[in-house]
Amino acid sequence: MRRKAANVGGKDERLWEHRISHFRFQTRRERNCCGRSLGTFFIRGLGDTPSAGTSAGSAAAKPISQADVEAILAKLDEEQDEDYDWKRSIVDLMKLLNLDSGLGARKQLAKELGYTGALDGSAEMNVWLHKQVMTKLAETGGKVPDSLKT
């Protein structure tokens, strides 16, 4: 049986685009045999394949809004055994993202991201670092960029 072509710009085409875009942002959690999280992996969807001649790792990520980042992190937080205060605490945000949250790692990350104040673990440094990490997540489509992994 032959399918009827969707109207260009019509209801059918908009519905199809919604379904495709929704599919692109689905994620799945992987856990090891002890139930410990191995990370979040994005499921690749239709139209999300890299063009010929480029590898999957070199494809540029599409930026998303802060609200989308917060939704991804909230879903990730729900799947955790611990309760993280990731909206206010850089330490909890980094733990949620499976990053080293120690003072040395935060100092190094702040230096790499261009923090000009004292690298002493102060509240000012931590608030600045939290904003920068959230911005980097939005710029990379909700995925932790390699530049944040130490």
N, C-alpha and C. Protein backbone atom coordinates (compact mmCIF):
# COMPACT_ATOMS: atom_id res chain seq x y z
N MET A 1 0.84 -1.17 0.00
CA MET A 1 0.00 0.00 0.00
C MET A 1 0.89 1.24 0.00
N ARG A 2 0.59 2.18 -0.83
CA ARG A 2 1.40 3.37 -0.99
C ARG A 2 0.92 4.48 -0.06
N ARG A 3 1.90 5.13 0.60
CA ARG A 3 1.56 6.23 1.50
C ARG A 3 1.36 7.51 0.72
N LYS A 4 0.42 8.30 1.17
CA LYS A 4 0.15 9.59 0.58
C LYS A 4 1.25 10.56 1.01
N ALA A 5 1.75 11.37 0.08
CA ALA A 5 2.80 12.34 0.40
C ALA A 5 2.25 13.40 1.34
N ALA A 6 3.07 13.80 2.30
CA ALA A 6 2.66 14.84 3.27
C ALA A 6 2.63 16.19 2.59
N ASN A 7 1.69 17.02 3.00
CA ASN A 7 1.61 18.38 2.49
C ASN A 7 2.84 19.15 2.96
N VAL A 8 3.50 19.83 2.04
CA VAL A 8 4.65 20.63 2.41
C VAL A 8 4.16 21.80 3.24
N GLY A 9 4.66 21.92 4.46
CA GLY A 9 4.25 22.98 5.36
C GLY A 9 2.91 22.73 6.03
N GLY A 10 2.33 21.58 5.77
CA GLY A 10 1.02 21.27 6.33
C GLY A 10 1.11 20.55 7.65
N LYS A 11 -0.05 20.15 8.14
CA LYS A 11 -0.15 19.50 9.45
C LYS A 11 0.67 18.21 9.50
N ASP A 12 0.59 17.39 8.44
CA ASP A 12 1.30 16.11 8.43
C ASP A 12 2.82 16.31 8.52
N GLU A 13 3.33 17.28 7.79
CA GLU A 13 4.77 17.52 7.80
C GLU A 13 5.22 18.03 9.18
N ARG A 14 4.45 18.93 9.79
CA ARG A 14 4.82 19.44 11.12
C ARG A 14 4.81 18.32 12.15
N LEU A 15 3.82 17.43 12.08
CA LEU A 15 3.75 16.30 13.00
C LEU A 15 4.96 15.39 12.81
N TRP A 16 5.32 15.12 11.57
CA TRP A 16 6.47 14.27 11.28
C TRP A 16 7.75 14.90 11.82
N GLU A 17 7.94 16.21 11.62
CA GLU A 17 9.13 16.89 12.13
C GLU A 17 9.17 16.83 13.66
N HIS A 18 8.01 16.98 14.31
CA HIS A 18 7.96 16.89 15.77
C HIS A 18 8.39 15.51 16.24
N ARG A 19 7.91 14.48 15.57
CA ARG A 19 8.27 13.11 15.96
C ARG A 19 9.77 12.88 15.80
N ILE A 20 10.34 13.38 14.71
CA ILE A 20 11.77 13.19 14.49
C ILE A 20 12.57 13.95 15.54
N SER A 21 12.22 15.22 15.80
CA SER A 21 12.99 15.99 16.77
C SER A 21 12.84 15.42 18.17
N HIS A 22 11.68 14.89 18.51
CA HIS A 22 11.50 14.27 19.81
C HIS A 22 12.39 13.03 19.95
N PHE A 23 12.49 12.25 18.89
CA PHE A 23 13.28 11.03 18.92
C PHE A 23 14.76 11.32 19.10
N ARG A 24 15.24 12.43 18.55
CA ARG A 24 16.66 12.75 18.61
C ARG A 24 17.15 12.98 20.03
N PHE A 25 16.29 13.48 20.92
CA PHE A 25 16.74 13.86 22.25
C PHE A 25 16.46 12.82 23.31
N GLN A 26 16.06 11.64 22.93
CA GLN A 26 15.84 10.59 23.92
C GLN A 26 17.20 10.09 24.41
N THR A 27 17.24 9.72 25.69
CA THR A 27 18.48 9.22 26.27
C THR A 27 18.22 7.90 26.96
N ARG A 28 19.29 7.19 27.23
CA ARG A 28 19.17 5.96 28.02
C ARG A 28 20.32 5.92 29.00
N ARG A 29 20.06 5.32 30.15
CA ARG A 29 21.07 5.19 31.19
C ARG A 29 21.66 3.79 31.13
N GLU A 30 22.95 3.71 31.30
CA GLU A 30 23.62 2.42 31.35
C GLU A 30 24.14 2.22 32.76
N ARG A 31 23.97 1.03 33.30
CA ARG A 31 24.46 0.71 34.64
C ARG A 31 25.29 -0.57 34.57
N ASN A 32 26.26 -0.66 35.47
CA ASN A 32 27.06 -1.88 35.52
C ASN A 32 26.33 -2.94 36.35
N CYS A 33 26.97 -4.07 36.57
CA CYS A 33 26.31 -5.18 37.26
C CYS A 33 25.96 -4.85 38.71
N CYS A 34 26.62 -3.87 39.32
CA CYS A 34 26.34 -3.49 40.70
C CYS A 34 25.31 -2.38 40.80
N GLY A 35 24.78 -1.94 39.68
CA GLY A 35 23.78 -0.89 39.67
C GLY A 35 24.36 0.51 39.63
N ARG A 36 25.68 0.64 39.54
CA ARG A 36 26.31 1.95 39.48
C ARG A 36 26.20 2.52 38.07
N SER A 37 25.95 3.81 37.99
CA SER A 37 25.74 4.45 36.70
C SER A 37 27.04 4.49 35.90
N LEU A 38 26.92 4.15 34.62
CA LEU A 38 28.05 4.27 33.70
C LEU A 38 27.95 5.54 32.86
N GLY A 39 26.79 6.19 32.91
CA GLY A 39 26.61 7.44 32.17
C GLY A 39 25.32 7.44 31.37
N THR A 40 25.06 8.58 30.77
CA THR A 40 23.89 8.76 29.93
C THR A 40 24.34 8.75 28.49
N PHE A 41 23.64 8.02 27.68
CA PHE A 41 23.98 7.92 26.27
C PHE A 41 22.79 8.39 25.45
N PHE A 42 23.04 9.25 24.49
CA PHE A 42 21.98 9.76 23.64
C PHE A 42 21.71 8.75 22.53
N ILE A 43 20.43 8.52 22.27
CA ILE A 43 20.03 7.63 21.21
C ILE A 43 19.99 8.45 19.93
N ARG A 44 20.68 8.00 18.92
CA ARG A 44 20.71 8.73 17.66
C ARG A 44 19.41 8.49 16.91
N GLY A 45 18.88 9.54 16.34
CA GLY A 45 17.60 9.45 15.66
C GLY A 45 17.71 9.66 14.16
N LEU A 46 16.58 9.68 13.49
CA LEU A 46 16.53 9.91 12.06
C LEU A 46 17.06 11.29 11.73
N GLY A 47 17.79 11.40 10.64
CA GLY A 47 18.30 12.69 10.24
C GLY A 47 19.42 13.20 11.13
N ASP A 48 19.88 12.40 12.04
CA ASP A 48 20.88 12.82 13.01
C ASP A 48 22.24 12.20 12.68
N THR A 49 22.38 11.64 11.50
CA THR A 49 23.62 10.98 11.13
C THR A 49 24.59 12.00 10.55
N PRO A 50 25.88 11.85 10.79
CA PRO A 50 26.84 12.77 10.22
C PRO A 50 26.92 12.61 8.71
N SER A 51 27.30 13.68 8.03
CA SER A 51 27.40 13.60 6.57
C SER A 51 28.58 12.74 6.17
N ALA A 52 28.62 12.34 4.92
CA ALA A 52 29.69 11.48 4.43
C ALA A 52 31.03 12.19 4.59
N GLY A 53 32.02 11.48 5.03
CA GLY A 53 33.35 12.03 5.19
C GLY A 53 33.63 12.58 6.59
N THR A 54 32.63 12.57 7.46
CA THR A 54 32.86 13.04 8.83
C THR A 54 32.54 11.90 9.78
N SER A 55 33.24 11.89 10.89
CA SER A 55 32.97 10.86 11.89
C SER A 55 31.94 11.38 12.88
N ALA A 56 31.36 10.48 13.67
CA ALA A 56 30.34 10.86 14.64
C ALA A 56 30.92 11.79 15.69
N GLY A 57 32.17 11.64 16.07
CA GLY A 57 32.78 12.47 17.09
C GLY A 57 33.07 13.88 16.62
N SER A 58 33.21 14.08 15.31
CA SER A 58 33.53 15.41 14.81
C SER A 58 32.29 16.20 14.43
N ALA A 59 31.11 15.61 14.51
CA ALA A 59 29.89 16.33 14.19
C ALA A 59 29.63 17.38 15.27
N ALA A 60 29.31 18.60 14.83
CA ALA A 60 29.06 19.68 15.79
C ALA A 60 27.73 19.47 16.49
N ALA A 61 27.73 19.72 17.79
CA ALA A 61 26.50 19.57 18.58
C ALA A 61 25.64 20.81 18.40
N LYS A 62 24.35 20.61 18.38
CA LYS A 62 23.41 21.72 18.23
C LYS A 62 23.13 22.31 19.61
N PRO A 63 23.32 23.62 19.78
CA PRO A 63 23.05 24.24 21.09
C PRO A 63 21.58 24.10 21.48
N ILE A 64 21.35 24.02 22.78
CA ILE A 64 20.00 23.94 23.31
C ILE A 64 19.82 25.01 24.37
N SER A 65 18.59 25.24 24.79
CA SER A 65 18.31 26.28 25.79
C SER A 65 18.67 25.80 27.19
N GLN A 66 18.79 26.76 28.11
CA GLN A 66 19.06 26.43 29.51
C GLN A 66 17.94 25.58 30.09
N ALA A 67 16.69 25.86 29.67
CA ALA A 67 15.56 25.08 30.16
C ALA A 67 15.69 23.62 29.74
N ASP A 68 16.16 23.38 28.52
CA ASP A 68 16.36 22.00 28.06
C ASP A 68 17.48 21.32 28.85
N VAL A 69 18.54 22.07 29.15
CA VAL A 69 19.64 21.52 29.95
C VAL A 69 19.12 21.14 31.33
N GLU A 70 18.33 22.03 31.93
CA GLU A 70 17.78 21.75 33.26
C GLU A 70 16.85 20.54 33.23
N ALA A 71 16.10 20.37 32.14
CA ALA A 71 15.21 19.20 32.03
C ALA A 71 16.03 17.91 31.94
N ILE A 72 17.12 17.95 31.17
CA ILE A 72 17.99 16.77 31.05
C ILE A 72 18.60 16.44 32.40
N LEU A 73 19.09 17.46 33.11
CA LEU A 73 19.71 17.24 34.42
C LEU A 73 18.70 16.76 35.46
N ALA A 74 17.48 17.28 35.39
CA ALA A 74 16.44 16.84 36.33
C ALA A 74 16.12 15.37 36.11
N LYS A 75 16.04 14.96 34.85
CA LYS A 75 15.78 13.55 34.55
C LYS A 75 16.94 12.68 35.03
N LEU A 76 18.15 13.16 34.83
CA LEU A 76 19.34 12.44 35.28
C LEU A 76 19.36 12.33 36.80
N ASP A 77 18.95 13.41 37.48
CA ASP A 77 18.91 13.42 38.94
C ASP A 77 17.88 12.43 39.48
N GLU A 78 16.74 12.30 38.79
CA GLU A 78 15.71 11.35 39.22
C GLU A 78 16.20 9.91 39.19
N GLU A 79 17.13 9.62 38.30
CA GLU A 79 17.63 8.26 38.15
C GLU A 79 18.73 7.91 39.15
N GLN A 80 19.19 8.90 39.92
CA GLN A 80 20.27 8.69 40.87
C GLN A 80 19.74 8.20 42.21
N ASP A 81 20.57 7.47 42.93
CA ASP A 81 20.21 7.02 44.27
C ASP A 81 20.32 8.15 45.29
N GLU A 82 21.26 9.07 45.07
CA GLU A 82 21.46 10.20 45.98
C GLU A 82 20.66 11.40 45.51
N ASP A 83 20.37 12.30 46.44
CA ASP A 83 19.72 13.56 46.10
C ASP A 83 20.80 14.62 45.95
N TYR A 84 20.89 15.21 44.77
CA TYR A 84 21.88 16.25 44.50
C TYR A 84 21.19 17.61 44.42
N ASP A 85 21.85 18.62 44.95
CA ASP A 85 21.37 20.00 44.86
C ASP A 85 22.10 20.66 43.69
N TRP A 86 21.96 20.08 42.51
CA TRP A 86 22.73 20.49 41.34
C TRP A 86 22.35 21.88 40.83
N LYS A 87 21.17 22.39 41.19
CA LYS A 87 20.76 23.72 40.71
C LYS A 87 21.54 24.84 41.39
N ARG A 88 22.08 24.58 42.58
CA ARG A 88 22.82 25.61 43.32
C ARG A 88 24.26 25.23 43.61
N SER A 89 24.60 23.96 43.61
CA SER A 89 25.92 23.52 44.04
C SER A 89 26.73 22.99 42.86
N ILE A 90 27.91 23.58 42.64
CA ILE A 90 28.78 23.09 41.58
C ILE A 90 29.30 21.70 41.90
N VAL A 91 29.53 21.42 43.19
CA VAL A 91 30.01 20.10 43.59
C VAL A 91 28.97 19.04 43.23
N ASP A 92 27.70 19.29 43.56
CA ASP A 92 26.64 18.33 43.24
C ASP A 92 26.42 18.23 41.73
N LEU A 93 26.53 19.35 41.01
CA LEU A 93 26.39 19.32 39.56
C LEU A 93 27.48 18.45 38.93
N MET A 94 28.70 18.62 39.39
CA MET A 94 29.81 17.82 38.85
C MET A 94 29.66 16.35 39.21
N LYS A 95 29.17 16.05 40.41
CA LYS A 95 28.93 14.66 40.79
C LYS A 95 27.85 14.05 39.91
N LEU A 96 26.80 14.81 39.63
CA LEU A 96 25.71 14.34 38.78
C LEU A 96 26.21 14.02 37.38
N LEU A 97 27.19 14.79 36.91
CA LEU A 97 27.76 14.59 35.58
C LEU A 97 28.93 13.61 35.57
N ASN A 98 29.17 12.96 36.71
CA ASN A 98 30.27 12.00 36.86
C ASN A 98 31.63 12.65 36.58
N LEU A 99 31.80 13.89 37.06
CA LEU A 99 33.07 14.59 36.95
C LEU A 99 33.71 14.67 38.33
N ASP A 100 35.02 14.79 38.37
CA ASP A 100 35.73 14.96 39.64
C ASP A 100 35.32 16.30 40.23
N SER A 101 34.79 16.28 41.46
CA SER A 101 34.28 17.52 42.07
C SER A 101 35.19 18.04 43.19
N GLY A 102 36.37 17.49 43.32
CA GLY A 102 37.30 17.93 44.36
C GLY A 102 37.78 19.36 44.11
N LEU A 103 38.32 19.98 45.14
CA LEU A 103 38.76 21.37 45.04
C LEU A 103 39.83 21.54 43.96
N GLY A 104 40.77 20.62 43.87
CA GLY A 104 41.81 20.71 42.84
C GLY A 104 41.22 20.68 41.43
N ALA A 105 40.25 19.80 41.21
CA ALA A 105 39.62 19.70 39.90
C ALA A 105 38.82 20.95 39.57
N ARG A 106 38.14 21.52 40.59
CA ARG A 106 37.37 22.75 40.37
C ARG A 106 38.29 23.93 40.07
N LYS A 107 39.44 24.00 40.77
CA LYS A 107 40.41 25.07 40.51
C LYS A 107 40.93 24.97 39.07
N GLN A 108 41.28 23.75 38.67
CA GLN A 108 41.80 23.54 37.32
C GLN A 108 40.76 23.90 36.27
N LEU A 109 39.52 23.48 36.48
CA LEU A 109 38.45 23.76 35.53
C LEU A 109 38.18 25.27 35.45
N ALA A 110 38.17 25.95 36.60
CA ALA A 110 37.96 27.39 36.61
C ALA A 110 39.07 28.11 35.84
N LYS A 111 40.30 27.65 36.03
CA LYS A 111 41.43 28.25 35.32
C LYS A 111 41.31 28.04 33.82
N GLU A 112 40.93 26.82 33.40
CA GLU A 112 40.77 26.51 31.98
C GLU A 112 39.64 27.30 31.34
N LEU A 113 38.59 27.59 32.11
CA LEU A 113 37.44 28.32 31.57
C LEU A 113 37.61 29.84 31.65
N GLY A 114 38.73 30.30 32.22
CA GLY A 114 39.04 31.72 32.20
C GLY A 114 38.66 32.51 33.43
N TYR A 115 38.54 31.87 34.57
CA TYR A 115 38.22 32.58 35.80
C TYR A 115 39.41 33.45 36.19
N THR A 116 39.15 34.74 36.49
CA THR A 116 40.24 35.67 36.78
C THR A 116 40.41 35.96 38.26
N GLY A 117 39.48 35.52 39.10
CA GLY A 117 39.58 35.76 40.54
C GLY A 117 40.51 34.77 41.20
N ALA A 118 40.51 34.82 42.53
CA ALA A 118 41.35 33.92 43.32
C ALA A 118 40.83 32.49 43.22
N LEU A 119 41.73 31.58 42.94
CA LEU A 119 41.38 30.16 42.83
C LEU A 119 41.47 29.52 44.21
N ASP A 120 40.54 29.88 45.08
CA ASP A 120 40.59 29.42 46.46
C ASP A 120 39.36 28.62 46.88
N GLY A 121 38.49 28.30 45.94
CA GLY A 121 37.30 27.53 46.28
C GLY A 121 36.23 28.36 46.95
N SER A 122 36.30 29.68 46.78
CA SER A 122 35.32 30.57 47.42
C SER A 122 33.94 30.40 46.78
N ALA A 123 32.95 30.94 47.46
CA ALA A 123 31.58 30.90 46.93
C ALA A 123 31.51 31.62 45.60
N GLU A 124 32.25 32.71 45.46
CA GLU A 124 32.27 33.47 44.21
C GLU A 124 32.78 32.60 43.06
N MET A 125 33.87 31.88 43.29
CA MET A 125 34.42 31.01 42.26
C MET A 125 33.45 29.88 41.92
N ASN A 126 32.84 29.29 42.94
CA ASN A 126 31.93 28.18 42.71
C ASN A 126 30.68 28.60 41.95
N VAL A 127 30.12 29.78 42.27
CA VAL A 127 28.93 30.28 41.55
C VAL A 127 29.29 30.56 40.09
N TRP A 128 30.45 31.19 39.86
CA TRP A 128 30.90 31.47 38.51
C TRP A 128 31.09 30.17 37.72
N LEU A 129 31.72 29.20 38.36
CA LEU A 129 31.98 27.92 37.71
C LEU A 129 30.68 27.19 37.39
N HIS A 130 29.70 27.26 38.27
CA HIS A 130 28.40 26.63 38.03
C HIS A 130 27.75 27.22 36.78
N LYS A 131 27.78 28.55 36.65
CA LYS A 131 27.20 29.21 35.47
C LYS A 131 27.93 28.79 34.21
N GLN A 132 29.25 28.69 34.28
CA GLN A 132 30.03 28.32 33.11
C GLN A 132 29.75 26.88 32.67
N VAL A 133 29.64 25.97 33.62
CA VAL A 133 29.36 24.56 33.29
C VAL A 133 27.97 24.44 32.65
N MET A 134 26.99 25.15 33.21
CA MET A 134 25.64 25.12 32.63
C MET A 134 25.64 25.70 31.21
N THR A 135 26.41 26.76 30.99
CA THR A 135 26.51 27.35 29.66
C THR A 135 27.17 26.38 28.68
N LYS A 136 28.25 25.73 29.11
CA LYS A 136 28.93 24.75 28.24
C LYS A 136 28.00 23.60 27.88
N LEU A 137 27.20 23.14 28.84
CA LEU A 137 26.24 22.07 28.56
C LEU A 137 25.23 22.51 27.52
N ALA A 138 24.76 23.75 27.61
CA ALA A 138 23.79 24.27 26.63
C ALA A 138 24.44 24.38 25.26
N GLU A 139 25.68 24.82 25.20
CA GLU A 139 26.39 24.98 23.93
C GLU A 139 26.64 23.65 23.23
N THR A 140 26.77 22.58 23.99
CA THR A 140 27.09 21.28 23.41
C THR A 140 25.88 20.35 23.33
N GLY A 141 24.70 20.91 23.41
CA GLY A 141 23.49 20.10 23.24
C GLY A 141 23.17 19.21 24.42
N GLY A 142 23.63 19.55 25.61
CA GLY A 142 23.34 18.76 26.80
C GLY A 142 24.33 17.66 27.08
N LYS A 143 25.34 17.53 26.26
CA LYS A 143 26.36 16.51 26.47
C LYS A 143 27.56 17.14 27.16
N VAL A 144 28.22 16.38 28.01
CA VAL A 144 29.40 16.89 28.70
C VAL A 144 30.54 16.95 27.68
N PRO A 145 31.05 18.16 27.39
CA PRO A 145 32.13 18.26 26.42
C PRO A 145 33.45 17.72 26.98
N ASP A 146 34.32 17.32 26.11
CA ASP A 146 35.63 16.79 26.53
C ASP A 146 36.41 17.83 27.31
N SER A 147 36.19 19.11 27.04
CA SER A 147 36.94 20.17 27.73
C SER A 147 36.60 20.22 29.23
N LEU A 148 35.45 19.68 29.64
CA LEU A 148 35.10 19.66 31.07
C LEU A 148 35.62 18.41 31.77
N LYS A 149 35.94 17.39 31.01
CA LYS A 149 36.43 16.15 31.61
C LYS A 149 37.91 16.30 31.90
N THR A 150 38.27 16.02 33.16
CA THR A 150 39.70 16.17 33.52
C THR A 150 40.28 14.82 33.89
